[in-house]
Amino acid sequence: MNHPEKEKNAGGMSYRTLPGIETILITQYLDHHDKKPLYLVSEKNKKYYMASADKTIARLELAKIRVENSDISSDECQVVMDRISHGLNCMEYIKNRVKNVASNEEIHKITPYKLWHAVKLIPSAAEGYAVTASIENVIFRDKRPESNQDPEKIKTHLENVKTIFLHLLNLDESSDFAAAEKSRLKAYKEIEIVQKDAE
């Protein structure tokens, strides 16, 4: 049986994630009909989840390459890489669970949607952290702030943005994903402001 209250903030799975919807009332018309052969629906559903997992893995790998090629210190890079590796491990775990299921009911029961959603936020958070660190390096290593800029204020601002991205990198199943999405957008807007001020 589905658990809409548990999954409503999980993201990415169509009507399964809509808040307040008892999805079992909907999916029974798609997944539980008596027409043959039901196993074809289950197999196609499993392929969809596997393909979605592969897409998340590909996105993590793209973020890894981007961070590795950014202007970020080795220590900070390692912190971000550890979280990307954690995300990749989570997705391999999810793929292996889905690969061995025998029915749609089992897929819905064993798939950790909230963990998956937390992992989906890792790539943009990792890239955001790398961008912020790179901007910080450009401002304070390659050129000094202009006279009308307060270096300490800029430094504090950038550190606050990095703190937001670090939080996003460390989300888990108990996290507030609606708040996390807002924080992510706020952090990227803050990056734009600093970048414009630094030009």
C-alpha atoms as a PDB file:
ATOM      1  CA  MET A   1       0.000   0.000   0.000  1.00  0.00           C
ATOM      2  CA  ASN A   2       1.184   3.539  -0.752  1.00  0.00           C
ATOM      3  CA  HIS A   3       1.855   6.117   1.950  1.00  0.00           C
ATOM      4  CA  PRO A   4       1.036   9.563   0.488  1.00  0.00           C
ATOM      5  CA  GLU A   5       1.724  11.483   3.706  1.00  0.00           C
ATOM      6  CA  LYS A   6       5.180   9.929   3.920  1.00  0.00           C
ATOM      7  CA  GLU A   7       5.945  10.513   0.255  1.00  0.00           C
ATOM      8  CA  LYS A   8       4.259  13.840  -0.475  1.00  0.00           C
ATOM      9  CA  ASN A   9       7.567  15.740  -0.353  1.00  0.00           C
ATOM     10  CA  ALA A  10       9.647  13.020  -1.990  1.00  0.00           C
ATOM     11  CA  GLY A  11       9.521  14.535  -5.452  1.00  0.00           C
ATOM     12  CA  GLY A  12       9.963  13.184  -8.932  1.00  0.00           C
ATOM     13  CA  MET A  13       7.391  10.382  -9.093  1.00  0.00           C
ATOM     14  CA  SER A  14       4.361  12.029 -10.715  1.00  0.00           C
ATOM     15  CA  TYR A  15       1.074  11.635  -8.833  1.00  0.00           C
ATOM     16  CA  ARG A  16       2.711   9.387  -6.222  1.00  0.00           C
ATOM     17  CA  THR A  17       4.122  12.512  -4.573  1.00  0.00           C
ATOM     18  CA  LEU A  18       1.028  14.718  -4.560  1.00  0.00           C
ATOM     19  CA  PRO A  19       0.129  15.719  -0.994  1.00  0.00           C
ATOM     20  CA  GLY A  20      -3.186  14.472   0.319  1.00  0.00           C
ATOM     21  CA  ILE A  21      -3.814  12.029  -2.546  1.00  0.00           C
ATOM     22  CA  GLU A  22      -4.508   8.396  -1.678  1.00  0.00           C
ATOM     23  CA  THR A  23      -2.680   7.056  -4.706  1.00  0.00           C
ATOM     24  CA  ILE A  24      -3.840   3.480  -4.180  1.00  0.00           C
ATOM     25  CA  LEU A  25      -7.269   4.639  -5.369  1.00  0.00           C
ATOM     26  CA  ILE A  26      -5.705   5.833  -8.615  1.00  0.00           C
ATOM     27  CA  THR A  27      -3.051   3.256  -9.403  1.00  0.00           C
ATOM     28  CA  GLN A  28      -5.356   0.284  -8.931  1.00  0.00           C
ATOM     29  CA  TYR A  29      -6.859   1.162 -12.315  1.00  0.00           C
ATOM     30  CA  LEU A  30      -3.408   1.070 -13.866  1.00  0.00           C
ATOM     31  CA  ASP A  31      -1.561  -1.621 -11.944  1.00  0.00           C
ATOM     32  CA  HIS A  32      -4.145  -4.006 -10.501  1.00  0.00           C
ATOM     33  CA  HIS A  33      -6.545  -4.768 -13.320  1.00  0.00           C
ATOM     34  CA  ASP A  34      -7.467  -8.344 -14.151  1.00  0.00           C
ATOM     35  CA  LYS A  35      -6.440  -8.073 -17.784  1.00  0.00           C
ATOM     36  CA  LYS A  36      -3.426 -10.103 -18.792  1.00  0.00           C
ATOM     37  CA  PRO A  37      -0.526 -10.054 -18.515  1.00  0.00           C
ATOM     38  CA  LEU A  38      -0.041  -8.028 -15.322  1.00  0.00           C
ATOM     39  CA  TYR A  39       3.674  -8.879 -15.114  1.00  0.00           C
ATOM     40  CA  LEU A  40       4.300  -6.722 -18.217  1.00  0.00           C
ATOM     41  CA  VAL A  41       3.124  -3.661 -16.291  1.00  0.00           C
ATOM     42  CA  SER A  42       5.420  -4.547 -13.412  1.00  0.00           C
ATOM     43  CA  GLU A  43       8.398  -5.075 -15.703  1.00  0.00           C
ATOM     44  CA  LYS A  44       7.832  -1.790 -17.541  1.00  0.00           C
ATOM     45  CA  ASN A  45       7.416   0.025 -14.227  1.00  0.00           C
ATOM     46  CA  LYS A  46      10.663  -1.493 -12.979  1.00  0.00           C
ATOM     47  CA  LYS A  47      12.469  -0.360 -16.135  1.00  0.00           C
ATOM     48  CA  TYR A  48      11.157   3.169 -15.557  1.00  0.00           C
ATOM     49  CA  TYR A  49      12.525   3.263 -12.020  1.00  0.00           C
ATOM     50  CA  MET A  50      15.852   1.832 -13.152  1.00  0.00           C
ATOM     51  CA  ALA A  51      16.125   4.424 -15.936  1.00  0.00           C
ATOM     52  CA  SER A  52      15.259   7.192 -13.481  1.00  0.00           C
ATOM     53  CA  ALA A  53      17.945   5.929 -11.109  1.00  0.00           C
ATOM     54  CA  ASP A  54      20.471   5.887 -13.964  1.00  0.00           C
ATOM     55  CA  LYS A  55      19.534   9.484 -14.784  1.00  0.00           C
ATOM     56  CA  THR A  56      20.198  10.533 -11.185  1.00  0.00           C
ATOM     57  CA  ILE A  57      23.528   8.704 -11.271  1.00  0.00           C
ATOM     58  CA  ALA A  58      24.480  10.451 -14.518  1.00  0.00           C
ATOM     59  CA  ARG A  59      23.621  13.816 -12.954  1.00  0.00           C
ATOM     60  CA  LEU A  60      25.820  13.033  -9.947  1.00  0.00           C
ATOM     61  CA  GLU A  61      28.693  12.063 -12.241  1.00  0.00           C
ATOM     62  CA  LEU A  62      28.300  15.331 -14.163  1.00  0.00           C
ATOM     63  CA  ALA A  63      28.441  17.294 -10.905  1.00  0.00           C
ATOM     64  CA  LYS A  64      31.568  15.373  -9.926  1.00  0.00           C
ATOM     65  CA  ILE A  65      33.363  16.371 -13.122  1.00  0.00           C
ATOM     66  CA  ARG A  66      32.260  19.986 -12.783  1.00  0.00           C
ATOM     67  CA  VAL A  67      33.464  20.244  -9.193  1.00  0.00           C
ATOM     68  CA  GLU A  68      36.781  18.577 -10.020  1.00  0.00           C
ATOM     69  CA  ASN A  69      37.383  21.164 -12.726  1.00  0.00           C
ATOM     70  CA  SER A  70      36.322  24.189 -10.675  1.00  0.00           C
ATOM     71  CA  ASP A  71      38.578  26.620  -8.836  1.00  0.00           C
ATOM     72  CA  ILE A  72      38.107  25.079  -5.394  1.00  0.00           C
ATOM     73  CA  SER A  73      40.641  24.095  -2.747  1.00  0.00           C
ATOM     74  CA  SER A  74      41.535  20.427  -2.387  1.00  0.00           C
ATOM     75  CA  ASP A  75      40.097  20.258   1.144  1.00  0.00           C
ATOM     76  CA  GLU A  76      36.760  21.758   0.125  1.00  0.00           C
ATOM     77  CA  CYS A  77      36.703  19.615  -2.996  1.00  0.00           C
ATOM     78  CA  GLN A  78      37.115  16.488  -0.878  1.00  0.00           C
ATOM     79  CA  VAL A  79      34.155  17.442   1.308  1.00  0.00           C
ATOM     80  CA  VAL A  80      31.942  17.844  -1.750  1.00  0.00           C
ATOM     81  CA  MET A  81      33.272  14.687  -3.400  1.00  0.00           C
ATOM     82  CA  ASP A  82      32.468  12.664  -0.289  1.00  0.00           C
ATOM     83  CA  ARG A  83      28.829  13.723  -0.521  1.00  0.00           C
ATOM     84  CA  ILE A  84      28.668  12.969  -4.247  1.00  0.00           C
ATOM     85  CA  SER A  85      30.113   9.521  -3.534  1.00  0.00           C
ATOM     86  CA  HIS A  86      27.491   9.061  -0.832  1.00  0.00           C
ATOM     87  CA  GLY A  87      24.794   9.929  -3.378  1.00  0.00           C
ATOM     88  CA  LEU A  88      26.181   7.465  -5.908  1.00  0.00           C
ATOM     89  CA  ASN A  89      26.250   4.718  -3.272  1.00  0.00           C
ATOM     90  CA  CYS A  90      22.641   5.471  -2.345  1.00  0.00           C
ATOM     91  CA  MET A  91      21.532   5.226  -5.950  1.00  0.00           C
ATOM     92  CA  GLU A  92      23.311   1.905  -6.461  1.00  0.00           C
ATOM     93  CA  TYR A  93      21.547   0.652  -3.339  1.00  0.00           C
ATOM     94  CA  ILE A  94      18.182   1.812  -4.684  1.00  0.00           C
ATOM     95  CA  LYS A  95      18.843   0.283  -8.120  1.00  0.00           C
ATOM     96  CA  ASN A  96      19.732  -3.076  -6.584  1.00  0.00           C
ATOM     97  CA  ARG A  97      16.537  -3.090  -4.528  1.00  0.00           C
ATOM     98  CA  VAL A  98      14.371  -2.241  -7.530  1.00  0.00           C
ATOM     99  CA  LYS A  99      16.147  -4.774  -9.748  1.00  0.00           C
ATOM    100  CA  ASN A 100      15.072  -7.649  -7.519  1.00  0.00           C
ATOM    101  CA  VAL A 101      11.399  -6.806  -6.981  1.00  0.00           C
ATOM    102  CA  ALA A 102       8.633  -8.977  -8.405  1.00  0.00           C
ATOM    103  CA  SER A 103       5.623  -6.647  -8.418  1.00  0.00           C
ATOM    104  CA  ASN A 104       4.488  -3.027  -8.485  1.00  0.00           C
ATOM    105  CA  GLU A 105       3.376  -3.294  -4.879  1.00  0.00           C
ATOM    106  CA  GLU A 106       6.873  -4.345  -3.887  1.00  0.00           C
ATOM    107  CA  ILE A 107       8.452  -1.484  -5.857  1.00  0.00           C
ATOM    108  CA  HIS A 108       6.267   1.050  -4.073  1.00  0.00           C
ATOM    109  CA  LYS A 109       6.937  -0.569  -0.721  1.00  0.00           C
ATOM    110  CA  ILE A 110      10.735  -0.811  -0.847  1.00  0.00           C
ATOM    111  CA  THR A 111      11.685   2.319  -2.812  1.00  0.00           C
ATOM    112  CA  PRO A 112      13.005   5.000  -0.382  1.00  0.00           C
ATOM    113  CA  TYR A 113      11.546   8.059  -2.097  1.00  0.00           C
ATOM    114  CA  LYS A 114      12.720  10.589   0.477  1.00  0.00           C
ATOM    115  CA  LEU A 115      16.290   9.313   0.353  1.00  0.00           C
ATOM    116  CA  TRP A 116      16.104   9.518  -3.445  1.00  0.00           C
ATOM    117  CA  HIS A 117      14.913  13.112  -3.282  1.00  0.00           C
ATOM    118  CA  ALA A 118      17.743  14.016  -0.893  1.00  0.00           C
ATOM    119  CA  VAL A 119      20.227  12.541  -3.370  1.00  0.00           C
ATOM    120  CA  LYS A 120      18.651  14.485  -6.240  1.00  0.00           C
ATOM    121  CA  LEU A 121      19.562  17.721  -4.471  1.00  0.00           C
ATOM    122  CA  ILE A 122      23.239  16.793  -4.143  1.00  0.00           C
ATOM    123  CA  PRO A 123      24.376  17.744  -7.691  1.00  0.00           C
ATOM    124  CA  SER A 124      23.081  21.318  -7.673  1.00  0.00           C
ATOM    125  CA  ALA A 125      24.245  21.791  -4.076  1.00  0.00           C
ATOM    126  CA  ALA A 126      27.701  20.461  -4.937  1.00  0.00           C
ATOM    127  CA  GLU A 127      27.971  22.724  -7.974  1.00  0.00           C
ATOM    128  CA  GLY A 128      26.653  25.676  -5.979  1.00  0.00           C
ATOM    129  CA  TYR A 129      29.289  25.154  -3.319  1.00  0.00           C
ATOM    130  CA  ALA A 130      32.023  24.900  -5.949  1.00  0.00           C
ATOM    131  CA  VAL A 131      30.831  28.069  -7.704  1.00  0.00           C
ATOM    132  CA  THR A 132      30.737  29.987  -4.425  1.00  0.00           C
ATOM    133  CA  ALA A 133      34.220  28.830  -3.455  1.00  0.00           C
ATOM    134  CA  SER A 134      35.506  29.748  -6.928  1.00  0.00           C
ATOM    135  CA  ILE A 135      34.027  33.248  -6.742  1.00  0.00           C
ATOM    136  CA  GLU A 136      35.587  33.645  -3.300  1.00  0.00           C
ATOM    137  CA  ASN A 137      38.974  32.683  -4.715  1.00  0.00           C
ATOM    138  CA  VAL A 138      38.665  35.087  -7.642  1.00  0.00           C
ATOM    139  CA  ILE A 139      37.727  37.990  -5.391  1.00  0.00           C
ATOM    140  CA  PHE A 140      40.243  37.460  -2.621  1.00  0.00           C
ATOM    141  CA  ARG A 141      43.123  35.854  -4.494  1.00  0.00           C
ATOM    142  CA  ASP A 142      43.066  37.191  -8.038  1.00  0.00           C
ATOM    143  CA  LYS A 143      41.784  40.687  -7.289  1.00  0.00           C
ATOM    144  CA  ARG A 144      41.013  42.737  -4.244  1.00  0.00           C
ATOM    145  CA  PRO A 145      37.493  44.071  -3.688  1.00  0.00           C
ATOM    146  CA  GLU A 146      36.926  47.564  -5.006  1.00  0.00           C
ATOM    147  CA  SER A 147      37.086  50.472  -2.571  1.00  0.00           C
ATOM    148  CA  ASN A 148      33.290  50.712  -2.397  1.00  0.00           C
ATOM    149  CA  GLN A 149      33.052  47.076  -1.332  1.00  0.00           C
ATOM    150  CA  ASP A 150      33.389  45.799   2.212  1.00  0.00           C
ATOM    151  CA  PRO A 151      35.730  42.752   2.036  1.00  0.00           C
ATOM    152  CA  GLU A 152      34.567  41.336   5.359  1.00  0.00           C
ATOM    153  CA  LYS A 153      30.926  41.699   4.380  1.00  0.00           C
ATOM    154  CA  ILE A 154      31.547  39.917   1.082  1.00  0.00           C
ATOM    155  CA  LYS A 155      33.503  37.168   2.838  1.00  0.00           C
ATOM    156  CA  THR A 156      30.747  36.642   5.405  1.00  0.00           C
ATOM    157  CA  HIS A 157      28.115  36.623   2.675  1.00  0.00           C
ATOM    158  CA  LEU A 158      29.933  33.936   0.700  1.00  0.00           C
ATOM    159  CA  GLU A 159      30.515  31.807   3.781  1.00  0.00           C
ATOM    160  CA  ASN A 160      26.792  31.958   4.575  1.00  0.00           C
ATOM    161  CA  VAL A 161      25.988  30.769   1.059  1.00  0.00           C
ATOM    162  CA  LYS A 162      28.456  27.891   1.379  1.00  0.00           C
ATOM    163  CA  THR A 163      26.816  26.940   4.669  1.00  0.00           C
ATOM    164  CA  ILE A 164      23.458  26.649   2.895  1.00  0.00           C
ATOM    165  CA  PHE A 165      24.933  24.379   0.230  1.00  0.00           C
ATOM    166  CA  LEU A 166      26.671  22.234   2.853  1.00  0.00           C
ATOM    167  CA  HIS A 167      23.331  21.781   4.579  1.00  0.00           C
ATOM    168  CA  LEU A 168      21.745  20.727   1.290  1.00  0.00           C
ATOM    169  CA  LEU A 169      24.556  18.255   0.701  1.00  0.00           C
ATOM    170  CA  ASN A 170      23.776  16.563   4.015  1.00  0.00           C
ATOM    171  CA  LEU A 171      20.021  16.094   3.763  1.00  0.00           C
ATOM    172  CA  ASP A 172      18.467  12.766   4.724  1.00  0.00           C
ATOM    173  CA  GLU A 173      15.046  11.132   4.813  1.00  0.00           C
ATOM    174  CA  SER A 174      13.889  13.273   7.737  1.00  0.00           C
ATOM    175  CA  SER A 175      14.660  16.586   6.010  1.00  0.00           C
ATOM    176  CA  ASP A 176      12.128  19.262   5.106  1.00  0.00           C
ATOM    177  CA  PHE A 177      12.420  19.175   1.322  1.00  0.00           C
ATOM    178  CA  ALA A 178      10.095  22.089   0.694  1.00  0.00           C
ATOM    179  CA  ALA A 179      12.342  24.281   2.853  1.00  0.00           C
ATOM    180  CA  ALA A 180      15.421  22.777   1.202  1.00  0.00           C
ATOM    181  CA  GLU A 181      14.207  23.757  -2.271  1.00  0.00           C
ATOM    182  CA  LYS A 182      13.619  27.323  -1.080  1.00  0.00           C
ATOM    183  CA  SER A 183      17.106  27.436   0.462  1.00  0.00           C
ATOM    184  CA  ARG A 184      18.661  26.203  -2.773  1.00  0.00           C
ATOM    185  CA  LEU A 185      16.986  28.933  -4.815  1.00  0.00           C
ATOM    186  CA  LYS A 186      17.920  31.560  -2.241  1.00  0.00           C
ATOM    187  CA  ALA A 187      21.557  30.467  -2.266  1.00  0.00           C
ATOM    188  CA  TYR A 188      21.803  30.681  -6.059  1.00  0.00           C
ATOM    189  CA  LYS A 189      20.222  34.129  -6.028  1.00  0.00           C
ATOM    190  CA  GLU A 190      22.777  35.211  -3.423  1.00  0.00           C
ATOM    191  CA  ILE A 191      25.563  33.975  -5.703  1.00  0.00           C
ATOM    192  CA  GLU A 192      24.230  36.129  -8.527  1.00  0.00           C
ATOM    193  CA  ILE A 193      24.189  39.197  -6.274  1.00  0.00           C
ATOM    194  CA  VAL A 194      27.796  38.688  -5.161  1.00  0.00           C
ATOM    195  CA  GLN A 195      28.937  38.020  -8.705  1.00  0.00           C
ATOM    196  CA  LYS A 196      27.359  41.239  -9.970  1.00  0.00           C
ATOM    197  CA  ASP A 197      28.820  43.241  -7.085  1.00  0.00           C
ATOM    198  CA  ALA A 198      32.253  41.810  -7.781  1.00  0.00           C
ATOM    199  CA  GLU A 199      32.262  42.787 -11.460  1.00  0.00           C
END
